[in-house]
């Protein structure tokens, strides 16, 4: 999970006792060496996602799909108008 680069910055945040236990359990389930590795991996995963929470490649594919559906709707609307005329 870790890449052993020299890390010189420290980030602190407080958690409840329940949250701490959940994080500890998650470390064990995922095989994280320690809580720092777990949190670092989670934050990196968040960074690689869009604001919507979708992975970037999925978000791009959804956008293409939305555009295709919009073009199809426009084509169908135009064909409907031509048939009425």
N, C-alpha and C. Protein backbone atom coordinates (compact mmCIF):
# COMPACT_ATOMS: atom_id res chain seq x y z
N UNK A 1 0.81 -1.19 0.00
CA UNK A 1 0.00 0.00 0.00
C UNK A 1 0.86 1.27 0.00
N UNK A 2 1.94 1.24 0.67
CA UNK A 2 2.78 2.41 0.81
C UNK A 2 3.91 2.34 -0.21
N UNK A 3 4.48 3.49 -0.54
CA UNK A 3 5.56 3.47 -1.52
C UNK A 3 6.88 3.92 -0.91
N UNK A 4 6.98 4.04 0.39
CA UNK A 4 8.21 4.28 1.15
C UNK A 4 8.94 5.56 0.79
N UNK A 5 8.27 6.54 0.24
CA UNK A 5 8.90 7.84 0.02
C UNK A 5 9.06 8.53 1.36
N UNK A 6 10.05 9.39 1.45
CA UNK A 6 10.25 10.14 2.68
C UNK A 6 9.11 11.13 2.83
N UNK A 7 8.33 10.95 3.85
CA UNK A 7 7.18 11.83 4.09
C UNK A 7 7.54 12.76 5.24
N UNK A 8 7.40 14.05 4.99
CA UNK A 8 7.81 15.02 6.00
C UNK A 8 6.64 15.81 6.59
N UNK A 9 5.46 15.65 6.03
CA UNK A 9 4.30 16.40 6.51
C UNK A 9 3.40 15.50 7.34
N UNK A 10 2.79 16.08 8.36
CA UNK A 10 1.90 15.32 9.23
C UNK A 10 0.53 16.00 9.21
N UNK A 11 -0.52 15.19 9.11
CA UNK A 11 -1.88 15.69 9.14
C UNK A 11 -2.59 15.05 10.33
N UNK A 12 -3.21 15.88 11.15
CA UNK A 12 -3.93 15.39 12.32
C UNK A 12 -5.42 15.62 12.15
N UNK A 13 -6.22 14.69 12.65
CA UNK A 13 -7.65 14.92 12.74
C UNK A 13 -8.19 14.04 13.85
N UNK A 14 -9.26 14.50 14.46
CA UNK A 14 -9.84 13.78 15.59
C UNK A 14 -10.97 12.87 15.13
N UNK A 15 -11.08 11.74 15.81
CA UNK A 15 -12.15 10.80 15.54
C UNK A 15 -12.74 10.35 16.87
N UNK A 16 -13.97 9.87 16.81
CA UNK A 16 -14.59 9.32 18.02
C UNK A 16 -14.00 7.94 18.30
N UNK A 17 -14.29 7.42 19.46
CA UNK A 17 -13.81 6.08 19.81
C UNK A 17 -14.38 5.03 18.84
N UNK A 18 -15.66 5.19 18.48
CA UNK A 18 -16.28 4.28 17.52
C UNK A 18 -15.61 4.35 16.15
N UNK A 19 -15.35 5.57 15.68
CA UNK A 19 -14.69 5.73 14.39
C UNK A 19 -13.30 5.11 14.41
N UNK A 20 -12.58 5.33 15.50
CA UNK A 20 -11.23 4.77 15.62
C UNK A 20 -11.28 3.25 15.50
N UNK A 21 -12.23 2.63 16.17
CA UNK A 21 -12.36 1.17 16.12
C UNK A 21 -12.72 0.71 14.71
N UNK A 22 -13.61 1.46 14.05
CA UNK A 22 -13.97 1.11 12.67
C UNK A 22 -12.75 1.20 11.76
N UNK A 23 -11.94 2.25 11.92
CA UNK A 23 -10.73 2.41 11.10
C UNK A 23 -9.75 1.28 11.37
N UNK A 24 -9.60 0.93 12.64
CA UNK A 24 -8.70 -0.15 13.02
C UNK A 24 -9.15 -1.48 12.40
N UNK A 25 -10.44 -1.75 12.48
CA UNK A 25 -10.99 -2.97 11.89
C UNK A 25 -10.78 -2.98 10.37
N UNK A 26 -10.98 -1.82 9.75
CA UNK A 26 -10.81 -1.71 8.31
C UNK A 26 -9.35 -1.95 7.92
N UNK A 27 -8.43 -1.46 8.72
CA UNK A 27 -7.00 -1.72 8.47
C UNK A 27 -6.74 -3.22 8.43
N UNK A 28 -7.28 -3.92 9.41
CA UNK A 28 -7.08 -5.37 9.48
C UNK A 28 -7.71 -6.07 8.27
N UNK A 29 -8.93 -5.67 7.90
CA UNK A 29 -9.61 -6.31 6.77
C UNK A 29 -8.90 -6.06 5.45
N UNK A 30 -8.37 -4.85 5.27
CA UNK A 30 -7.74 -4.49 4.00
C UNK A 30 -6.25 -4.77 3.97
N UNK A 31 -5.69 -5.16 5.10
CA UNK A 31 -4.27 -5.46 5.15
C UNK A 31 -3.38 -4.22 5.15
N UNK A 32 -3.93 -3.11 5.59
CA UNK A 32 -3.12 -1.89 5.68
C UNK A 32 -2.10 -2.05 6.81
N UNK A 33 -0.86 -1.59 6.57
CA UNK A 33 0.17 -1.70 7.60
C UNK A 33 -0.19 -0.92 8.86
N UNK A 34 -0.84 0.21 8.64
CA UNK A 34 -1.22 1.07 9.77
C UNK A 34 -2.31 2.02 9.31
N UNK A 35 -2.81 2.81 10.23
CA UNK A 35 -3.90 3.72 9.91
C UNK A 35 -3.47 4.80 8.93
N UNK A 36 -2.22 5.20 8.99
CA UNK A 36 -1.72 6.20 8.04
C UNK A 36 -1.84 5.69 6.61
N UNK A 37 -1.45 4.43 6.38
CA UNK A 37 -1.58 3.86 5.04
C UNK A 37 -3.03 3.82 4.60
N UNK A 38 -3.91 3.44 5.52
CA UNK A 38 -5.33 3.36 5.20
C UNK A 38 -5.87 4.73 4.79
N UNK A 39 -5.61 5.73 5.61
CA UNK A 39 -6.14 7.07 5.34
C UNK A 39 -5.51 7.65 4.07
N UNK A 40 -4.22 7.46 3.89
CA UNK A 40 -3.54 7.97 2.69
C UNK A 40 -4.16 7.35 1.44
N UNK A 41 -4.39 6.05 1.46
CA UNK A 41 -4.99 5.37 0.30
C UNK A 41 -6.41 5.87 0.04
N UNK A 42 -7.17 6.08 1.11
CA UNK A 42 -8.55 6.56 0.95
C UNK A 42 -8.56 7.95 0.34
N UNK A 43 -7.68 8.81 0.79
CA UNK A 43 -7.64 10.18 0.26
C UNK A 43 -7.17 10.17 -1.19
N UNK A 44 -6.20 9.34 -1.51
CA UNK A 44 -5.76 9.23 -2.91
C UNK A 44 -6.90 8.76 -3.80
N UNK A 45 -7.70 7.83 -3.30
CA UNK A 45 -8.85 7.34 -4.07
C UNK A 45 -9.86 8.47 -4.29
N UNK A 46 -10.09 9.29 -3.27
CA UNK A 46 -11.00 10.42 -3.42
C UNK A 46 -10.49 11.41 -4.45
N UNK A 47 -9.21 11.66 -4.45
CA UNK A 47 -8.61 12.62 -5.38
C UNK A 47 -8.77 12.13 -6.82
N UNK A 48 -8.72 10.83 -7.04
CA UNK A 48 -8.79 10.30 -8.40
C UNK A 48 -10.22 10.20 -8.91
N UNK A 49 -11.19 10.68 -8.14
CA UNK A 49 -12.59 10.64 -8.55
C UNK A 49 -13.09 12.06 -8.82
N UNK A 50 -14.16 12.13 -9.57
CA UNK A 50 -14.77 13.41 -9.86
C UNK A 50 -15.55 13.89 -8.64
N UNK A 51 -16.00 15.14 -8.62
CA UNK A 51 -16.81 15.63 -7.50
C UNK A 51 -18.10 14.83 -7.29
N UNK A 52 -18.58 14.16 -8.35
CA UNK A 52 -19.78 13.34 -8.22
C UNK A 52 -19.51 12.02 -7.52
N UNK A 53 -18.23 11.70 -7.33
CA UNK A 53 -17.88 10.46 -6.67
C UNK A 53 -17.63 9.30 -7.61
N UNK A 54 -17.78 9.53 -8.91
CA UNK A 54 -17.54 8.46 -9.87
C UNK A 54 -16.07 8.48 -10.27
N UNK A 55 -15.49 7.32 -10.54
CA UNK A 55 -14.15 7.31 -11.09
C UNK A 55 -14.13 8.11 -12.39
N UNK A 56 -13.02 8.73 -12.68
CA UNK A 56 -12.93 9.63 -13.83
C UNK A 56 -13.34 8.94 -15.12
N UNK A 57 -12.88 7.72 -15.37
CA UNK A 57 -13.22 7.06 -16.63
C UNK A 57 -14.71 6.76 -16.72
N UNK A 58 -15.35 6.43 -15.62
CA UNK A 58 -16.79 6.19 -15.63
C UNK A 58 -17.54 7.49 -15.87
N UNK A 59 -17.09 8.57 -15.26
CA UNK A 59 -17.73 9.87 -15.46
C UNK A 59 -17.65 10.28 -16.92
N UNK A 60 -16.50 10.06 -17.55
CA UNK A 60 -16.35 10.39 -18.97
C UNK A 60 -17.29 9.55 -19.83
N UNK A 61 -17.40 8.28 -19.50
CA UNK A 61 -18.29 7.39 -20.28
C UNK A 61 -19.75 7.80 -20.09
N UNK A 62 -20.12 8.17 -18.86
CA UNK A 62 -21.49 8.62 -18.62
C UNK A 62 -21.79 9.89 -19.40
N UNK A 63 -20.85 10.80 -19.45
CA UNK A 63 -21.03 12.04 -20.21
C UNK A 63 -21.23 11.74 -21.69
N UNK A 64 -20.42 10.83 -22.23
CA UNK A 64 -20.58 10.44 -23.64
C UNK A 64 -21.95 9.82 -23.87
N UNK A 65 -22.38 8.97 -22.93
CA UNK A 65 -23.69 8.34 -23.05
C UNK A 65 -24.80 9.38 -23.01
N UNK A 66 -24.71 10.34 -22.09
CA UNK A 66 -25.71 11.41 -22.02
C UNK A 66 -25.76 12.19 -23.32
N UNK A 67 -24.59 12.49 -23.89
CA UNK A 67 -24.54 13.22 -25.16
C UNK A 67 -25.17 12.41 -26.28
N UNK A 68 -24.91 11.12 -26.30
CA UNK A 68 -25.51 10.25 -27.33
C UNK A 68 -27.02 10.21 -27.21
N UNK A 69 -27.51 10.10 -25.99
CA UNK A 69 -28.95 10.06 -25.76
C UNK A 69 -29.58 11.39 -26.18
N UNK A 70 -28.92 12.48 -25.89
CA UNK A 70 -29.44 13.79 -26.28
C UNK A 70 -29.51 13.92 -27.80
N UNK A 71 -28.46 13.46 -28.50
CA UNK A 71 -28.48 13.50 -29.97
C UNK A 71 -29.59 12.62 -30.52
N UNK A 72 -29.78 11.45 -29.92
CA UNK A 72 -30.85 10.55 -30.35
C UNK A 72 -32.21 11.19 -30.14
N UNK A 73 -32.41 11.85 -29.00
CA UNK A 73 -33.68 12.54 -28.74
C UNK A 73 -33.92 13.64 -29.77
N UNK A 74 -32.88 14.38 -30.10
CA UNK A 74 -33.02 15.44 -31.10
C UNK A 74 -33.37 14.87 -32.46
N UNK A 75 -32.72 13.77 -32.84
CA UNK A 75 -33.00 13.13 -34.13
C UNK A 75 -34.43 12.63 -34.17
N UNK A 76 -34.88 12.01 -33.10
CA UNK A 76 -36.25 11.50 -33.04
C UNK A 76 -37.26 12.64 -33.11
N UNK A 77 -36.97 13.75 -32.45
CA UNK A 77 -37.87 14.90 -32.49
C UNK A 77 -37.94 15.47 -33.91
N UNK A 78 -36.80 15.55 -34.57
CA UNK A 78 -36.78 16.06 -35.94
C UNK A 78 -37.54 15.14 -36.88
N UNK A 79 -37.38 13.83 -36.72
CA UNK A 79 -38.09 12.87 -37.57
C UNK A 79 -39.59 12.94 -37.33
N UNK A 80 -39.99 13.16 -36.09
CA UNK A 80 -41.41 13.31 -35.77
C UNK A 80 -42.00 14.54 -36.40
N UNK A 81 -41.24 15.64 -36.44
CA UNK A 81 -41.71 16.88 -37.05
C UNK A 81 -41.84 16.72 -38.56
N UNK A 82 -40.88 15.97 -39.16
CA UNK A 82 -40.91 15.77 -40.61
C UNK A 82 -42.12 14.93 -41.01
N UNK A 83 -42.48 13.96 -40.19
CA UNK A 83 -43.62 13.09 -40.51
C UNK A 83 -44.93 13.85 -40.42
N UNK A 84 -45.00 14.82 -39.51
CA UNK A 84 -46.22 15.60 -39.32
C UNK A 84 -46.40 16.59 -40.45
N UNK A 85 -45.31 16.98 -41.09
CA UNK A 85 -45.40 18.00 -42.15
C UNK A 85 -45.81 17.44 -43.48
